[in-house]
Amino acid sequence: MEPEQSNRFEAELWRVDTAKAPWNFVTVPLEISHQIRFYAGKTNSFGSVRVRVCIGNSEWATSLFPDTKSGCYFLPVKAAIRRAESLAAGDRITVDLTTG
């Protein structure tokens, strides 16, 4: 079982427009991504890692997805959270992220 890790960081919310729907993400900083990868242990076939997230007053469980090019994890931020916290692409947000 992996040890619980908690990290707080600031990052910009960014958007990718796809044919079906836009996706919004925050990039987990490289140093934190390395720590998560080191302690994550077993991941699923995509290399994703289950996490608990808090942004503002919103808390939820989701997964981080690895980006092999940058070495960072991407955190998807769903529409319900963006609406609840009045967030848009380009906003800098504070993220509390817990693994384990």
PDB file of N, CA and C in Angstrom:
ATOM      1  N   MET A   1       0.853  -1.184   0.000  1.00  0.00           N
ATOM      2  CA  MET A   1       0.000   0.000   0.000  1.00  0.00           C
ATOM      3  C   MET A   1       0.899   1.247   0.000  1.00  0.00           C
ATOM      4  N   GLU A   2       0.580   2.186  -0.840  1.00  0.00           N
ATOM      5  CA  GLU A   2       1.406   3.394  -0.931  1.00  0.00           C
ATOM      6  C   GLU A   2       1.122   4.324   0.238  1.00  0.00           C
ATOM      7  N   PRO A   3       2.150   5.045   0.704  1.00  0.00           N
ATOM      8  CA  PRO A   3       1.912   6.009   1.777  1.00  0.00           C
ATOM      9  C   PRO A   3       1.113   7.198   1.260  1.00  0.00           C
ATOM     10  N   GLU A   4       0.322   7.782   2.142  1.00  0.00           N
ATOM     11  CA  GLU A   4      -0.443   8.965   1.745  1.00  0.00           C
ATOM     12  C   GLU A   4       0.494  10.152   1.599  1.00  0.00           C
ATOM     13  N   GLN A   5       0.311  10.884   0.526  1.00  0.00           N
ATOM     14  CA  GLN A   5       1.071  12.105   0.287  1.00  0.00           C
ATOM     15  C   GLN A   5       0.091  13.231   0.055  1.00  0.00           C
ATOM     16  N   SER A   6       0.367  14.375   0.634  1.00  0.00           N
ATOM     17  CA  SER A   6      -0.444  15.562   0.377  1.00  0.00           C
ATOM     18  C   SER A   6       0.451  16.645  -0.186  1.00  0.00           C
ATOM     19  N   ASN A   7      -0.016  17.294  -1.217  1.00  0.00           N
ATOM     20  CA  ASN A   7       0.726  18.381  -1.855  1.00  0.00           C
ATOM     21  C   ASN A   7      -0.220  19.525  -2.169  1.00  0.00           C
ATOM     22  N   ARG A   8       0.301  20.739  -2.037  1.00  0.00           N
ATOM     23  CA  ARG A   8      -0.440  21.934  -2.423  1.00  0.00           C
ATOM     24  C   ARG A   8       0.422  22.664  -3.442  1.00  0.00           C
ATOM     25  N   PHE A   9      -0.217  23.095  -4.526  1.00  0.00           N
ATOM     26  CA  PHE A   9       0.509  23.833  -5.549  1.00  0.00           C
ATOM     27  C   PHE A   9      -0.441  24.762  -6.285  1.00  0.00           C
ATOM     28  N   GLU A  10       0.130  25.729  -6.975  1.00  0.00           N
ATOM     29  CA  GLU A  10      -0.624  26.623  -7.850  1.00  0.00           C
ATOM     30  C   GLU A  10      -0.266  26.294  -9.283  1.00  0.00           C
ATOM     31  N   ALA A  11      -1.267  26.321 -10.142  1.00  0.00           N
ATOM     32  CA  ALA A  11      -1.034  26.060 -11.561  1.00  0.00           C
ATOM     33  C   ALA A  11      -2.158  26.683 -12.375  1.00  0.00           C
ATOM     34  N   GLU A  12      -1.905  26.791 -13.663  1.00  0.00           N
ATOM     35  CA  GLU A  12      -2.886  27.371 -14.571  1.00  0.00           C
ATOM     36  C   GLU A  12      -3.811  26.286 -15.118  1.00  0.00           C
ATOM     37  N   LEU A  13      -5.093  26.596 -15.159  1.00  0.00           N
ATOM     38  CA  LEU A  13      -6.070  25.720 -15.780  1.00  0.00           C
ATOM     39  C   LEU A  13      -5.979  25.904 -17.290  1.00  0.00           C
ATOM     40  N   TRP A  14      -5.831  24.804 -18.023  1.00  0.00           N
ATOM     41  CA  TRP A  14      -5.731  24.893 -19.480  1.00  0.00           C
ATOM     42  C   TRP A  14      -6.723  23.959 -20.138  1.00  0.00           C
ATOM     43  N   ARG A  15      -7.018  24.241 -21.389  1.00  0.00           N
ATOM     44  CA  ARG A  15      -8.095  23.563 -22.110  1.00  0.00           C
ATOM     45  C   ARG A  15      -7.584  22.957 -23.414  1.00  0.00           C
ATOM     46  N   VAL A  16      -8.120  21.781 -23.724  1.00  0.00           N
ATOM     47  CA  VAL A  16      -7.858  21.117 -24.999  1.00  0.00           C
ATOM     48  C   VAL A  16      -9.209  20.900 -25.665  1.00  0.00           C
ATOM     49  N   ASP A  17      -9.367  21.416 -26.868  1.00  0.00           N
ATOM     50  CA  ASP A  17     -10.610  21.205 -27.607  1.00  0.00           C
ATOM     51  C   ASP A  17     -10.473  19.957 -28.465  1.00  0.00           C
ATOM     52  N   THR A  18     -11.380  19.008 -28.248  1.00  0.00           N
ATOM     53  CA  THR A  18     -11.410  17.786 -29.050  1.00  0.00           C
ATOM     54  C   THR A  18     -12.678  17.788 -29.892  1.00  0.00           C
ATOM     55  N   ALA A  19     -12.791  16.820 -30.771  1.00  0.00           N
ATOM     56  CA  ALA A  19     -13.959  16.740 -31.645  1.00  0.00           C
ATOM     57  C   ALA A  19     -15.248  16.538 -30.851  1.00  0.00           C
ATOM     58  N   LYS A  20     -15.163  15.784 -29.755  1.00  0.00           N
ATOM     59  CA  LYS A  20     -16.368  15.496 -28.973  1.00  0.00           C
ATOM     60  C   LYS A  20     -16.679  16.560 -27.932  1.00  0.00           C
ATOM     61  N   ALA A  21     -15.668  16.990 -27.206  1.00  0.00           N
ATOM     62  CA  ALA A  21     -15.891  17.964 -26.129  1.00  0.00           C
ATOM     63  C   ALA A  21     -14.550  18.503 -25.656  1.00  0.00           C
ATOM     64  N   PRO A  22     -14.555  19.692 -25.072  1.00  0.00           N
ATOM     65  CA  PRO A  22     -13.303  20.219 -24.522  1.00  0.00           C
ATOM     66  C   PRO A  22     -12.958  19.516 -23.208  1.00  0.00           C
ATOM     67  N   TRP A  23     -11.675  19.433 -22.918  1.00  0.00           N
ATOM     68  CA  TRP A  23     -11.173  18.908 -21.654  1.00  0.00           C
ATOM     69  C   TRP A  23     -10.375  20.013 -20.993  1.00  0.00           C
ATOM     70  N   ASN A  24     -10.467  20.106 -19.675  1.00  0.00           N
ATOM     71  CA  ASN A  24      -9.730  21.104 -18.912  1.00  0.00           C
ATOM     72  C   ASN A  24      -8.831  20.398 -17.901  1.00  0.00           C
ATOM     73  N   PHE A  25      -7.587  20.865 -17.833  1.00  0.00           N
ATOM     74  CA  PHE A  25      -6.586  20.212 -17.000  1.00  0.00           C
ATOM     75  C   PHE A  25      -5.771  21.227 -16.226  1.00  0.00           C
ATOM     76  N   VAL A  26      -5.107  20.719 -15.201  1.00  0.00           N
ATOM     77  CA  VAL A  26      -4.044  21.406 -14.493  1.00  0.00           C
ATOM     78  C   VAL A  26      -2.837  20.477 -14.573  1.00  0.00           C
ATOM     79  N   THR A  27      -1.663  21.030 -14.835  1.00  0.00           N
ATOM     80  CA  THR A  27      -0.448  20.233 -14.864  1.00  0.00           C
ATOM     81  C   THR A  27       0.153  20.200 -13.471  1.00  0.00           C
ATOM     82  N   VAL A  28       0.367  18.990 -12.956  1.00  0.00           N
ATOM     83  CA  VAL A  28       1.014  18.823 -11.659  1.00  0.00           C
ATOM     84  C   VAL A  28       2.500  19.143 -11.857  1.00  0.00           C
ATOM     85  N   PRO A  29       3.092  19.993 -11.021  1.00  0.00           N
ATOM     86  CA  PRO A  29       4.502  20.348 -11.195  1.00  0.00           C
ATOM     87  C   PRO A  29       5.406  19.111 -11.256  1.00  0.00           C
ATOM     88  N   LEU A  30       6.502  19.238 -11.980  1.00  0.00           N
ATOM     89  CA  LEU A  30       7.402  18.115 -12.240  1.00  0.00           C
ATOM     90  C   LEU A  30       7.907  17.456 -10.963  1.00  0.00           C
ATOM     91  N   GLU A  31       8.346  18.240  -9.989  1.00  0.00           N
ATOM     92  CA  GLU A  31       8.877  17.661  -8.747  1.00  0.00           C
ATOM     93  C   GLU A  31       7.812  16.838  -8.025  1.00  0.00           C
ATOM     94  N   ILE A  32       6.593  17.358  -7.956  1.00  0.00           N
ATOM     95  CA  ILE A  32       5.495  16.627  -7.307  1.00  0.00           C
ATOM     96  C   ILE A  32       5.141  15.397  -8.133  1.00  0.00           C
ATOM     97  N   SER A  33       5.143  15.519  -9.453  1.00  0.00           N
ATOM     98  CA  SER A  33       4.866  14.368 -10.327  1.00  0.00           C
ATOM     99  C   SER A  33       5.879  13.252 -10.096  1.00  0.00           C
ATOM    100  N   HIS A  34       7.160  13.604  -9.939  1.00  0.00           N
ATOM    101  CA  HIS A  34       8.193  12.596  -9.669  1.00  0.00           C
ATOM    102  C   HIS A  34       7.938  11.896  -8.341  1.00  0.00           C
ATOM    103  N   GLN A  35       7.556  12.658  -7.311  1.00  0.00           N
ATOM    104  CA  GLN A  35       7.253  12.061  -6.009  1.00  0.00           C
ATOM    105  C   GLN A  35       6.078  11.095  -6.116  1.00  0.00           C
ATOM    106  N   ILE A  36       5.031  11.510  -6.812  1.00  0.00           N
ATOM    107  CA  ILE A  36       3.845  10.659  -6.974  1.00  0.00           C
ATOM    108  C   ILE A  36       4.223   9.384  -7.714  1.00  0.00           C
ATOM    109  N   ARG A  37       4.972   9.512  -8.791  1.00  0.00           N
ATOM    110  CA  ARG A  37       5.377   8.347  -9.579  1.00  0.00           C
ATOM    111  C   ARG A  37       6.203   7.383  -8.722  1.00  0.00           C
ATOM    112  N   PHE A  38       7.110   7.921  -7.902  1.00  0.00           N
ATOM    113  CA  PHE A  38       7.973   7.094  -7.059  1.00  0.00           C
ATOM    114  C   PHE A  38       7.150   6.285  -6.060  1.00  0.00           C
ATOM    115  N   TYR A  39       6.157   6.912  -5.428  1.00  0.00           N
ATOM    116  CA  TYR A  39       5.373   6.257  -4.389  1.00  0.00           C
ATOM    117  C   TYR A  39       4.104   5.575  -4.885  1.00  0.00           C
ATOM    118  N   ALA A  40       3.731   5.803  -6.133  1.00  0.00           N
ATOM    119  CA  ALA A  40       2.440   5.307  -6.629  1.00  0.00           C
ATOM    120  C   ALA A  40       2.353   3.796  -6.653  1.00  0.00           C
ATOM    121  N   GLY A  41       3.463   3.133  -6.904  1.00  0.00           N
ATOM    122  CA  GLY A  41       3.406   1.673  -6.967  1.00  0.00           C
ATOM    123  C   GLY A  41       2.601   1.243  -8.173  1.00  0.00           C
ATOM    124  N   LYS A  42       1.653   0.356  -7.965  1.00  0.00           N
ATOM    125  CA  LYS A  42       0.872  -0.200  -9.059  1.00  0.00           C
ATOM    126  C   LYS A  42      -0.133   0.826  -9.589  1.00  0.00           C
ATOM    127  N   THR A  43      -0.115   1.015 -10.902  1.00  0.00           N
ATOM    128  CA  THR A  43      -1.089   1.880 -11.566  1.00  0.00           C
ATOM    129  C   THR A  43      -1.860   1.027 -12.555  1.00  0.00           C
ATOM    130  N   ASN A  44      -2.898   1.592 -13.164  1.00  0.00           N
ATOM    131  CA  ASN A  44      -3.611   0.829 -14.179  1.00  0.00           C
ATOM    132  C   ASN A  44      -2.823   0.857 -15.493  1.00  0.00           C
ATOM    133  N   SER A  45      -3.380   0.284 -16.538  1.00  0.00           N
ATOM    134  CA  SER A  45      -2.651   0.164 -17.809  1.00  0.00           C
ATOM    135  C   SER A  45      -2.308   1.511 -18.434  1.00  0.00           C
ATOM    136  N   PHE A  46      -3.035   2.573 -18.090  1.00  0.00           N
ATOM    137  CA  PHE A  46      -2.743   3.903 -18.620  1.00  0.00           C
ATOM    138  C   PHE A  46      -1.706   4.636 -17.772  1.00  0.00           C
ATOM    139  N   GLY A  47      -1.338   4.070 -16.633  1.00  0.00           N
ATOM    140  CA  GLY A  47      -0.407   4.734 -15.734  1.00  0.00           C
ATOM    141  C   GLY A  47      -1.063   5.773 -14.855  1.00  0.00           C
ATOM    142  N   SER A  48      -2.398   5.772 -14.810  1.00  0.00           N
ATOM    143  CA  SER A  48      -3.094   6.772 -13.999  1.00  0.00           C
ATOM    144  C   SER A  48      -2.980   6.438 -12.516  1.00  0.00           C
ATOM    145  N   VAL A  49      -3.141   7.462 -11.689  1.00  0.00           N
ATOM    146  CA  VAL A  49      -3.028   7.337 -10.241  1.00  0.00           C
ATOM    147  C   VAL A  49      -4.266   7.952  -9.610  1.00  0.00           C
ATOM    148  N   ARG A  50      -4.922   7.197  -8.731  1.00  0.00           N
ATOM    149  CA  ARG A  50      -6.110   7.705  -8.027  1.00  0.00           C
ATOM    150  C   ARG A  50      -5.695   8.747  -6.992  1.00  0.00           C
ATOM    151  N   VAL A  51      -6.469   9.838  -6.921  1.00  0.00           N
ATOM    152  CA  VAL A  51      -6.179  10.930  -5.993  1.00  0.00           C
ATOM    153  C   VAL A  51      -7.469  11.522  -5.446  1.00  0.00           C
ATOM    154  N   ARG A  52      -7.310  12.262  -4.364  1.00  0.00           N
ATOM    155  CA  ARG A  52      -8.373  13.110  -3.833  1.00  0.00           C
ATOM    156  C   ARG A  52      -7.911  14.540  -4.037  1.00  0.00           C
ATOM    157  N   VAL A  53      -8.837  15.396  -4.462  1.00  0.00           N
ATOM    158  CA  VAL A  53      -8.487  16.764  -4.843  1.00  0.00           C
ATOM    159  C   VAL A  53      -9.412  17.751  -4.137  1.00  0.00           C
ATOM    160  N   CYS A  54      -8.835  18.900  -3.785  1.00  0.00           N
ATOM    161  CA  CYS A  54      -9.624  20.007  -3.261  1.00  0.00           C
ATOM    162  C   CYS A  54      -9.188  21.267  -3.991  1.00  0.00           C
ATOM    163  N   ILE A  55     -10.154  21.933  -4.602  1.00  0.00           N
ATOM    164  CA  ILE A  55      -9.950  23.242  -5.209  1.00  0.00           C
ATOM    165  C   ILE A  55     -11.047  24.133  -4.649  1.00  0.00           C
ATOM    166  N   GLY A  56     -10.663  25.184  -3.943  1.00  0.00           N
ATOM    167  CA  GLY A  56     -11.659  26.043  -3.308  1.00  0.00           C
ATOM    168  C   GLY A  56     -12.457  25.251  -2.300  1.00  0.00           C
ATOM    169  N   ASN A  57     -13.793  25.271  -2.440  1.00  0.00           N
ATOM    170  CA  ASN A  57     -14.672  24.520  -1.545  1.00  0.00           C
ATOM    171  C   ASN A  57     -15.096  23.180  -2.131  1.00  0.00           C
ATOM    172  N   SER A  58     -14.537  22.815  -3.276  1.00  0.00           N
ATOM    173  CA  SER A  58     -14.925  21.575  -3.962  1.00  0.00           C
ATOM    174  C   SER A  58     -13.899  20.479  -3.712  1.00  0.00           C
ATOM    175  N   GLU A  59     -14.398  19.300  -3.343  1.00  0.00           N
ATOM    176  CA  GLU A  59     -13.548  18.129  -3.133  1.00  0.00           C
ATOM    177  C   GLU A  59     -14.103  16.969  -3.934  1.00  0.00           C
ATOM    178  N   TRP A  60     -13.220  16.178  -4.539  1.00  0.00           N
ATOM    179  CA  TRP A  60     -13.661  15.017  -5.296  1.00  0.00           C
ATOM    180  C   TRP A  60     -12.517  14.039  -5.480  1.00  0.00           C
ATOM    181  N   ALA A  61     -12.853  12.814  -5.892  1.00  0.00           N
ATOM    182  CA  ALA A  61     -11.874  11.772  -6.205  1.00  0.00           C
ATOM    183  C   ALA A  61     -11.793  11.661  -7.719  1.00  0.00           C
ATOM    184  N   THR A  62     -10.587  11.502  -8.223  1.00  0.00           N
ATOM    185  CA  THR A  62     -10.364  11.388  -9.661  1.00  0.00           C
ATOM    186  C   THR A  62      -9.046  10.665  -9.888  1.00  0.00           C
ATOM    187  N   SER A  63      -8.537  10.732 -11.096  1.00  0.00           N
ATOM    188  CA  SER A  63      -7.244  10.138 -11.421  1.00  0.00           C
ATOM    189  C   SER A  63      -6.359  11.169 -12.104  1.00  0.00           C
ATOM    190  N   LEU A  64      -5.062  11.043 -11.858  1.00  0.00           N
ATOM    191  CA  LEU A  64      -4.062  11.803 -12.601  1.00  0.00           C
ATOM    192  C   LEU A  64      -3.633  10.963 -13.785  1.00  0.00           C
ATOM    193  N   PHE A  65      -3.314  11.617 -14.893  1.00  0.00           N
ATOM    194  CA  PHE A  65      -2.878  10.909 -16.090  1.00  0.00           C
ATOM    195  C   PHE A  65      -1.470  11.352 -16.466  1.00  0.00           C
ATOM    196  N   PRO A  66      -0.588  10.387 -16.742  1.00  0.00           N
ATOM    197  CA  PRO A  66       0.802  10.741 -17.029  1.00  0.00           C
ATOM    198  C   PRO A  66       0.977  11.292 -18.442  1.00  0.00           C
ATOM    199  N   ASP A  67       1.895  12.243 -18.558  1.00  0.00           N
ATOM    200  CA  ASP A  67       2.315  12.744 -19.859  1.00  0.00           C
ATOM    201  C   ASP A  67       3.775  12.343 -20.031  1.00  0.00           C
ATOM    202  N   THR A  68       4.036  11.403 -20.923  1.00  0.00           N
ATOM    203  CA  THR A  68       5.395  10.894 -21.086  1.00  0.00           C
ATOM    204  C   THR A  68       6.340  11.946 -21.652  1.00  0.00           C
ATOM    205  N   LYS A  69       5.810  12.889 -22.393  1.00  0.00           N
ATOM    206  CA  LYS A  69       6.656  13.921 -22.997  1.00  0.00           C
ATOM    207  C   LYS A  69       7.238  14.871 -21.941  1.00  0.00           C
ATOM    208  N   SER A  70       6.394  15.354 -21.027  1.00  0.00           N
ATOM    209  CA  SER A  70       6.851  16.317 -20.021  1.00  0.00           C
ATOM    210  C   SER A  70       7.307  15.662 -18.727  1.00  0.00           C
ATOM    211  N   GLY A  71       6.852  14.433 -18.471  1.00  0.00           N
ATOM    212  CA  GLY A  71       7.157  13.770 -17.206  1.00  0.00           C
ATOM    213  C   GLY A  71       6.209  14.159 -16.091  1.00  0.00           C
ATOM    214  N   CYS A  72       5.245  15.021 -16.391  1.00  0.00           N
ATOM    215  CA  CYS A  72       4.273  15.482 -15.398  1.00  0.00           C
ATOM    216  C   CYS A  72       2.983  14.677 -15.489  1.00  0.00           C
ATOM    217  N   TYR A  73       2.185  14.801 -14.450  1.00  0.00           N
ATOM    218  CA  TYR A  73       0.824  14.277 -14.479  1.00  0.00           C
ATOM    219  C   TYR A  73      -0.125  15.414 -14.825  1.00  0.00           C
ATOM    220  N   PHE A  74      -1.232  15.063 -15.467  1.00  0.00           N
ATOM    221  CA  PHE A  74      -2.297  16.006 -15.760  1.00  0.00           C
ATOM    222  C   PHE A  74      -3.486  15.676 -14.871  1.00  0.00           C
ATOM    223  N   LEU A  75      -4.079  16.705 -14.288  1.00  0.00           N
ATOM    224  CA  LEU A  75      -5.264  16.574 -13.445  1.00  0.00           C
ATOM    225  C   LEU A  75      -6.459  17.108 -14.210  1.00  0.00           C
ATOM    226  N   PRO A  76      -7.425  16.245 -14.579  1.00  0.00           N
ATOM    227  CA  PRO A  76      -8.624  16.761 -15.240  1.00  0.00           C
ATOM    228  C   PRO A  76      -9.515  17.480 -14.226  1.00  0.00           C
ATOM    229  N   VAL A  77     -10.075  18.600 -14.652  1.00  0.00           N
ATOM    230  CA  VAL A  77     -10.984  19.374 -13.791  1.00  0.00           C
ATOM    231  C   VAL A  77     -12.333  19.410 -14.495  1.00  0.00           C
ATOM    232  N   LYS A  78     -13.279  18.650 -13.949  1.00  0.00           N
ATOM    233  CA  LYS A  78     -14.570  18.492 -14.617  1.00  0.00           C
ATOM    234  C   LYS A  78     -15.419  19.759 -14.560  1.00  0.00           C
ATOM    235  N   ALA A  79     -16.399  19.803 -15.457  1.00  0.00           N
ATOM    236  CA  ALA A  79     -17.244  20.988 -15.622  1.00  0.00           C
ATOM    237  C   ALA A  79     -17.956  21.385 -14.332  1.00  0.00           C
ATOM    238  N   ALA A  80     -18.443  20.417 -13.569  1.00  0.00           N
ATOM    239  CA  ALA A  80     -19.164  20.739 -12.335  1.00  0.00           C
ATOM    240  C   ALA A  80     -18.273  21.488 -11.350  1.00  0.00           C
ATOM    241  N   ILE A  81     -17.015  21.128 -11.287  1.00  0.00           N
ATOM    242  CA  ILE A  81     -16.071  21.816 -10.397  1.00  0.00           C
ATOM    243  C   ILE A  81     -15.776  23.210 -10.930  1.00  0.00           C
ATOM    244  N   ARG A  82     -15.559  23.320 -12.231  1.00  0.00           N
ATOM    245  CA  ARG A  82     -15.289  24.637 -12.825  1.00  0.00           C
ATOM    246  C   ARG A  82     -16.451  25.591 -12.603  1.00  0.00           C
ATOM    247  N   ARG A  83     -17.676  25.088 -12.748  1.00  0.00           N
ATOM    248  CA  ARG A  83     -18.861  25.930 -12.502  1.00  0.00           C
ATOM    249  C   ARG A  83     -18.941  26.330 -11.030  1.00  0.00           C
ATOM    250  N   ALA A  84     -18.783  25.358 -10.145  1.00  0.00           N
ATOM    251  CA  ALA A  84     -18.905  25.620  -8.708  1.00  0.00           C
ATOM    252  C   ALA A  84     -17.870  26.625  -8.216  1.00  0.00           C
ATOM    253  N   GLU A  85     -16.689  26.613  -8.816  1.00  0.00           N
ATOM    254  CA  GLU A  85     -15.599  27.486  -8.379  1.00  0.00           C
ATOM    255  C   GLU A  85     -15.389  28.681  -9.316  1.00  0.00           C
ATOM    256  N   SER A  86     -16.270  28.836 -10.308  1.00  0.00           N
ATOM    257  CA  SER A  86     -16.182  29.939 -11.288  1.00  0.00           C
ATOM    258  C   SER A  86     -14.799  29.998 -11.943  1.00  0.00           C
ATOM    259  N   LEU A  87     -14.368  28.859 -12.489  1.00  0.00           N
ATOM    260  CA  LEU A  87     -13.049  28.748 -13.111  1.00  0.00           C
ATOM    261  C   LEU A  87     -13.153  28.717 -14.626  1.00  0.00           C
ATOM    262  N   ALA A  88     -12.142  29.274 -15.274  1.00  0.00           N
ATOM    263  CA  ALA A  88     -12.043  29.243 -16.736  1.00  0.00           C
ATOM    264  C   ALA A  88     -10.586  29.011 -17.120  1.00  0.00           C
ATOM    265  N   ALA A  89     -10.387  28.512 -18.327  1.00  0.00           N
ATOM    266  CA  ALA A  89      -9.029  28.305 -18.828  1.00  0.00           C
ATOM    267  C   ALA A  89      -8.234  29.597 -18.687  1.00  0.00           C
ATOM    268  N   GLY A  90      -6.991  29.458 -18.219  1.00  0.00           N
ATOM    269  CA  GLY A  90      -6.133  30.606 -18.003  1.00  0.00           C
ATOM    270  C   GLY A  90      -6.084  31.056 -16.553  1.00  0.00           C
ATOM    271  N   ASP A  91      -7.058  30.629 -15.740  1.00  0.00           N
ATOM    272  CA  ASP A  91      -7.052  30.990 -14.318  1.00  0.00           C
ATOM    273  C   ASP A  91      -5.950  30.235 -13.590  1.00  0.00           C
ATOM    274  N   ARG A  92      -5.280  30.920 -12.651  1.00  0.00           N
ATOM    275  CA  ARG A  92      -4.325  30.254 -11.752  1.00  0.00           C
ATOM    276  C   ARG A  92      -5.095  29.811 -10.528  1.00  0.00           C
ATOM    277  N   ILE A  93      -4.943  28.542 -10.180  1.00  0.00           N
ATOM    278  CA  ILE A  93      -5.707  28.000  -9.066  1.00  0.00           C
ATOM    279  C   ILE A  93      -4.788  27.268  -8.095  1.00  0.00           C
ATOM    280  N   THR A  94      -5.241  27.181  -6.851  1.00  0.00           N
ATOM    281  CA  THR A  94      -4.534  26.432  -5.826  1.00  0.00           C
ATOM    282  C   THR A  94      -5.184  25.058  -5.741  1.00  0.00           C
ATOM    283  N   VAL A  95      -4.343  24.024  -5.788  1.00  0.00           N
ATOM    284  CA  VAL A  95      -4.811  22.638  -5.779  1.00  0.00           C
ATOM    285  C   VAL A  95      -4.229  21.937  -4.560  1.00  0.00           C
ATOM    286  N   ASP A  96      -5.086  21.284  -3.777  1.00  0.00           N
ATOM    287  CA  ASP A  96      -4.649  20.371  -2.721  1.00  0.00           C
ATOM    288  C   ASP A  96      -4.886  18.963  -3.250  1.00  0.00           C
ATOM    289  N   LEU A  97      -3.817  18.184  -3.298  1.00  0.00           N
ATOM    290  CA  LEU A  97      -3.848  16.873  -3.952  1.00  0.00           C
ATOM    291  C   LEU A  97      -3.341  15.829  -2.962  1.00  0.00           C
ATOM    292  N   THR A  98      -4.105  14.740  -2.772  1.00  0.00           N
ATOM    293  CA  THR A  98      -3.713  13.684  -1.859  1.00  0.00           C
ATOM    294  C   THR A  98      -3.751  12.351  -2.584  1.00  0.00           C
ATOM    295  N   THR A  99      -2.652  11.609  -2.462  1.00  0.00           N
ATOM    296  CA  THR A  99      -2.580  10.252  -2.996  1.00  0.00           C
ATOM    297  C   THR A  99      -2.491   9.286  -1.829  1.00  0.00           C
ATOM    298  N   GLY A 100      -2.716   7.999  -2.103  1.00  0.00           N
ATOM    299  CA  GLY A 100      -2.528   6.997  -1.070  1.00  0.00           C
ATOM    300  C   GLY A 100      -3.790   6.485  -0.470  1.00  0.00           C
TER     301      GLY A 100
END
